[in-house]
Protein backbone atom coordinates (compact mmCIF):
# COMPACT_ATOMS: atom_id res chain seq x y z
CA MET A 1 0.04 -0.04 -0.02
CA ALA A 2 1.56 3.36 -0.93
CA LEU A 3 1.85 5.57 2.09
CA SER A 4 -0.40 8.65 2.58
CA SER A 5 1.26 11.90 3.50
CA HIS A 6 0.85 11.27 7.03
CA GLU A 7 2.44 8.01 7.41
CA ALA A 8 6.04 7.24 8.10
CA ALA A 9 7.90 6.18 11.37
CA ALA A 10 6.99 5.65 15.00
CA SER A 11 7.92 5.83 18.60
CA TRP A 12 8.27 3.08 21.11
CA GLN A 13 8.83 2.18 24.70
CA ARG A 14 11.16 -0.78 24.28
CA PRO A 15 15.08 0.05 25.15
CA SER A 16 16.43 1.40 21.93
CA GLY A 17 19.28 -1.18 21.81
CA GLU A 18 16.79 -3.97 21.92
CA VAL A 19 14.66 -2.53 18.98
CA SER A 20 17.38 -1.75 16.81
CA GLY A 21 18.83 -5.26 17.27
CA ILE A 22 15.44 -6.66 16.12
CA VAL A 23 15.43 -4.22 13.00
CA ARG A 24 18.84 -5.34 12.05
CA ARG A 25 17.91 -9.05 12.35
CA ARG A 26 14.90 -8.28 10.26
CA LEU A 27 16.92 -6.54 7.55
CA LYS A 28 19.49 -9.32 7.44
CA GLU A 29 16.93 -11.91 7.19
CA SER A 30 14.99 -10.19 4.26
CA ARG A 31 17.94 -8.60 2.53
CA CYS A 32 16.25 -5.41 2.49
CA ASP A 33 17.84 -2.39 0.83
CA ALA A 34 17.74 1.25 2.44
CA TRP A 35 14.32 1.87 1.09
CA MET A 36 12.71 -0.98 2.98
CA PHE A 37 14.36 0.11 6.41
CA MET A 38 11.30 2.09 7.54
CA GLY A 39 9.15 -0.80 6.37
CA ALA A 40 11.20 -3.02 8.71
CA VAL A 41 10.85 -0.58 11.53
CA LEU A 42 7.31 -0.46 11.25
CA ASP A 43 6.84 -4.18 11.17
CA VAL A 44 8.97 -4.53 14.34
CA LEU A 45 6.91 -1.93 16.01
CA ARG A 46 3.79 -3.85 15.05
CA ASP A 47 5.14 -7.07 16.30
CA LEU A 48 5.98 -5.29 19.72
CA GLY A 49 2.33 -4.42 20.02
CA ARG A 50 3.24 -0.62 19.86
CA GLN A 51 0.57 1.83 18.26
CA CYS A 52 2.53 3.71 15.51
CA VAL A 53 2.30 7.67 15.33
CA TYR A 54 3.28 8.51 11.64
CA PHE A 55 4.85 11.65 10.40
CA VAL A 56 6.38 12.66 7.09
CA CYS A 57 10.05 11.49 6.81
CA MET A 58 9.79 8.58 4.26
CA PRO A 59 9.43 8.96 0.24
CA ARG A 60 6.35 7.45 -1.15
CA GLU A 61 6.41 4.31 -2.99
CA ALA A 62 5.58 6.14 -6.14
CA SER A 63 9.04 7.61 -6.22
CA GLN A 64 10.52 4.24 -6.99
CA GLU A 65 11.09 3.51 -10.68
CA LYS A 66 10.51 -0.17 -9.98
CA GLY A 67 7.03 0.63 -8.64
CA ARG A 68 6.33 2.66 -11.65
CA VAL A 69 7.22 0.12 -13.96
CA GLY A 70 5.12 -2.46 -11.91
CA ALA A 71 2.10 -0.24 -12.21
CA ARG A 72 2.42 0.37 -15.94
CA THR A 73 3.06 -3.42 -16.55
CA ALA A 74 0.09 -4.13 -14.36
CA GLN A 75 -2.04 -1.86 -16.16
CA ARG A 76 -1.26 -3.13 -19.69
CA TRP A 77 -1.54 -6.74 -18.46
CA LEU A 78 -5.05 -6.32 -16.95
CA GLU A 79 -6.26 -3.86 -19.80
CA ALA A 80 -5.21 -6.43 -22.38
CA THR A 81 -7.98 -8.85 -20.88
CA THR A 82 -10.43 -6.29 -22.48
CA PHE A 83 -12.63 -6.55 -19.21
CA VAL A 84 -11.17 -3.59 -17.43
CA GLU A 85 -9.87 -0.01 -17.94
CA LEU A 86 -7.51 1.47 -15.52
CA PRO A 87 -7.11 5.26 -16.71
CA TRP A 88 -5.65 6.53 -13.35
CA ASN A 89 -2.67 5.90 -11.43
CA SER A 90 -1.02 7.19 -8.06
CA TYR A 91 1.77 9.02 -9.92
CA HIS A 92 -0.57 11.30 -11.75
CA HIS A 93 -4.15 11.16 -10.44
CA GLU A 94 -3.50 10.67 -6.54
CA ALA A 95 -6.99 11.98 -5.58
CA LEU A 96 -8.65 9.35 -7.95
CA CYS A 97 -6.51 6.51 -6.28
CA GLU A 98 -7.42 7.35 -2.73
CA ILE A 99 -10.06 5.77 -0.58
CA GLU A 100 -11.08 6.79 3.01
CA CYS A 101 -11.16 4.20 5.93
CA LEU A 102 -13.02 4.14 9.23
CA ASP A 103 -10.16 5.93 11.06
CA ASP A 104 -10.69 8.78 8.73
CA SER A 105 -7.20 8.06 7.14
CA THR A 106 -6.84 7.88 3.19
CA LYS A 107 -4.97 5.03 1.62
CA MET A 108 -3.84 5.23 -1.90
CA PHE A 109 -3.72 2.37 -4.39
CA ASP A 110 -1.46 2.15 -7.20
CA LEU A 111 -4.21 2.06 -10.15
CA ALA A 112 -7.91 2.70 -10.28
CA GLY A 113 -10.45 2.14 -12.87
CA TYR A 114 -13.66 0.18 -13.41
CA PHE A 115 -14.86 -2.88 -15.29
CA LEU A 116 -16.16 -2.48 -18.64
CA THR A 117 -19.68 -3.65 -17.85
CA ASP A 118 -22.97 -1.60 -17.74
CA GLU A 119 -22.41 -0.73 -14.12
CA ARG A 120 -18.89 0.28 -14.70
CA THR A 121 -18.12 -1.22 -11.29
CA PRO A 122 -15.02 0.61 -9.90
CA ILE A 123 -11.60 -1.19 -8.99
CA SER A 124 -8.73 -0.37 -6.77
CA VAL A 125 -5.40 -2.01 -7.62
CA GLU A 126 -2.42 -2.59 -5.34
CA VAL A 127 0.74 -3.56 -7.34
CA LYS A 128 3.71 -5.34 -5.82
CA ASN A 129 6.64 -5.60 -8.22
CA VAL A 130 8.97 -7.57 -6.01
CA ASP A 131 11.70 -10.13 -6.25
CA THR A 132 11.07 -11.96 -2.97
CA ASP A 133 8.20 -12.71 -0.62
CA ALA A 134 9.78 -10.56 2.30
CA HIS A 135 7.14 -9.04 4.29
CA LEU A 136 4.53 -9.52 1.53
CA ARG A 137 2.11 -11.47 3.51
CA ASP A 138 2.02 -8.57 5.92
CA LYS A 139 1.56 -5.99 3.07
CA PHE A 140 -1.39 -8.21 1.73
CA HIS A 141 -3.04 -8.14 5.30
CA GLU A 142 -2.95 -4.45 5.15
CA PHE A 143 -4.58 -4.42 1.94
CA LEU A 144 -7.36 -6.67 3.05
CA ALA A 145 -7.91 -4.55 6.19
CA VAL A 146 -8.05 -1.42 3.97
CA ALA A 147 -10.46 -3.01 1.54
CA TYR A 148 -12.75 -3.94 4.50
CA SER A 149 -12.24 -0.50 6.28
CA SER A 150 -13.20 1.67 3.06
CA THR A 151 -16.00 -0.40 2.36
CA ALA A 152 -17.47 0.00 5.87
CA LYS A 153 -16.75 3.78 5.80
CA ARG A 154 -19.12 4.16 2.83
CA LYS A 155 -21.83 2.19 4.76
CA LEU A 156 -21.23 4.07 7.89
CA LYS A 157 -21.74 7.34 6.06
CA SER A 158 -24.76 5.88 4.46
CA ARG A 159 -23.41 6.23 1.15
CA PRO A 160 -24.69 4.21 -1.86
CA ASP A 161 -22.61 1.02 -2.19
CA ASP A 162 -20.43 1.65 -5.21
CA LYS A 163 -19.49 -2.36 -5.21
CA ARG A 164 -15.92 -1.42 -5.48
CA GLU A 165 -13.50 -4.46 -6.02
CA PHE A 166 -9.89 -4.86 -4.95
CA MET A 167 -7.16 -6.35 -6.78
CA TRP A 168 -3.86 -7.55 -5.55
CA VAL A 169 -1.23 -8.09 -8.30
CA SER A 170 2.22 -9.33 -7.13
CA TRP A 171 5.35 -10.63 -8.94
CA HIS A 172 5.80 -13.20 -6.26
CA PRO A 173 3.56 -15.62 -4.42
CA PHE A 174 3.80 -15.65 -0.35
CA GLY A 175 3.13 -18.18 2.33
CA PRO A 176 2.20 -20.00 4.01
CA MET A 177 1.24 -21.88 0.82
CA ASN A 178 -1.40 -24.05 2.71
CA ARG A 179 -3.48 -20.85 2.83
CA TRP A 180 -2.86 -19.84 -0.79
CA THR A 181 -6.77 -20.90 -1.69
CA LYS A 182 -7.91 -19.01 1.27
CA LEU A 183 -6.37 -15.71 0.81
CA ALA A 184 -9.55 -13.90 -0.09
CA SER A 185 -11.56 -15.77 2.62
CA VAL A 186 -13.50 -14.16 5.55
CA GLU A 187 -11.10 -15.65 7.80
CA GLU A 188 -8.16 -14.16 6.35
CA ILE A 189 -9.75 -10.81 6.38
CA GLU A 190 -10.53 -11.28 10.10
CA ILE A 191 -6.87 -12.08 10.64
CA SER A 192 -6.03 -8.87 9.02
CA LEU A 193 -8.25 -6.74 10.77
CA GLY A 194 -6.89 -8.25 13.93
CA GLU A 195 -3.36 -7.13 12.82
CA TYR A 196 -4.40 -3.83 11.65
CA SER A 197 -7.14 -2.99 14.34
CA GLY A 198 -6.57 0.78 14.07
CA LEU A 199 -8.33 0.64 10.63
CA LEU A 200 -11.55 -0.37 12.57
CA ASN A 201 -11.51 2.76 14.66
CA GLY A 202 -13.41 0.94 17.51
CA HIS A 203 -16.15 -0.24 15.19
CA GLU A 204 -17.39 -3.85 15.56
CA VAL A 205 -16.80 -6.08 12.69
CA ASP A 206 -19.83 -6.61 10.51
CA ARG A 207 -19.99 -10.34 9.61
CA GLU A 208 -22.27 -9.80 6.59
CA LEU A 209 -19.95 -7.06 5.28
CA LEU A 210 -17.04 -9.57 5.70
CA GLN A 211 -18.65 -11.89 3.33
CA VAL A 212 -19.41 -9.09 0.81
CA VAL A 213 -15.76 -7.95 0.92
CA SER A 214 -14.47 -11.39 0.56
CA GLU A 215 -16.17 -11.77 -2.68
CA ARG A 216 -14.83 -8.51 -4.03
CA ILE A 217 -11.16 -9.53 -3.43
CA TRP A 218 -8.92 -10.57 -6.43
CA VAL A 219 -5.50 -12.18 -5.83
CA LEU A 220 -3.43 -12.40 -8.81
CA THR A 221 0.34 -13.23 -9.31
CA PHE A 222 2.10 -11.88 -12.45
CA ASN A 223 5.04 -13.59 -14.41
CA PRO A 224 6.52 -11.50 -17.00
CA LYS A 225 6.05 -14.14 -19.71
CA GLN A 226 2.36 -13.53 -19.51
CA GLU A 227 2.91 -10.31 -21.48
CA MET A 228 3.79 -12.47 -24.23
CA LEU A 229 0.52 -13.99 -24.30
CA SER A 230 -1.48 -10.43 -24.02
CA LEU A 231 -2.44 -8.17 -26.97
CA ASP A 232 -0.09 -5.38 -27.55
CA ALA A 233 -1.38 -1.92 -27.71
CA ASP A 234 -2.34 -1.72 -31.52
CA ASP A 235 -4.19 -5.04 -31.36
CA LEU A 236 -5.80 -3.84 -28.08
CA SER A 237 -6.99 -0.76 -29.61
CA LYS A 238 -8.63 -2.46 -32.74
CA VAL A 239 -10.28 -5.05 -30.58
CA MET A 240 -11.63 -2.63 -28.09
CA ALA A 241 -13.22 -0.55 -30.81
CA ALA A 242 -15.23 -3.66 -31.98
CA LEU A 243 -16.36 -4.70 -28.54
CA PRO A 244 -19.88 -3.51 -27.47
CA ARG A 245 -18.89 -3.20 -23.77
CA LYS A 246 -16.35 -0.40 -24.88
CA ARG A 247 -18.40 1.42 -27.54
CA THR A 248 -20.33 3.44 -24.88
CA THR A 249 -17.02 5.17 -23.87
CA LEU A 250 -15.65 5.89 -27.45
């Protein structure tokens, strides 16, 4: 999840030497680069059970070229299915990629758009162009918690249900593999809300809404070779012009 302008680092009550030692071990285990340092700090703080107070000190994921490449690639790949259109990204259309959560925070997705159906159901897409599964499960749990919290926020404000769906696209699978088929389950969302309880802002979990959100989650793993099986830009434009589901927007 791309960090909003109010998210970055935190304070803690553990002795500094103990915390820094944990951070160093986490970095060594995941072979993180400098960019991942603050992510490791935040993971450690959550594991220690400390509530994080964020401030601006960390560059957004959008500044990473690898992130930009991942977003562009995911956009091409998904649009080549001819079933979705993703005209907005967090690098040029921040406001259109943001959603509001129960704690009044705003979370930004990498891509946003809609299904090419009569309803034009909106989609928020989180892209992880990564080489390892380091901390990927934690980030996925945040993604799930945000999906539930933002959906619940609309319901709390008595706004019409926009039926927004949430897509997770990563370049690497993540474990434990015995839960791979259950990643979009109600149980997995509950686990995520337990880890990111701040996104509930004290509200009780709505069992019915859990099921609704579960049905709106997409978990996709991308392999670069899949682009070889996709329509290129020229062919896609010709096909899209001929599709009834696209004609209304041409």
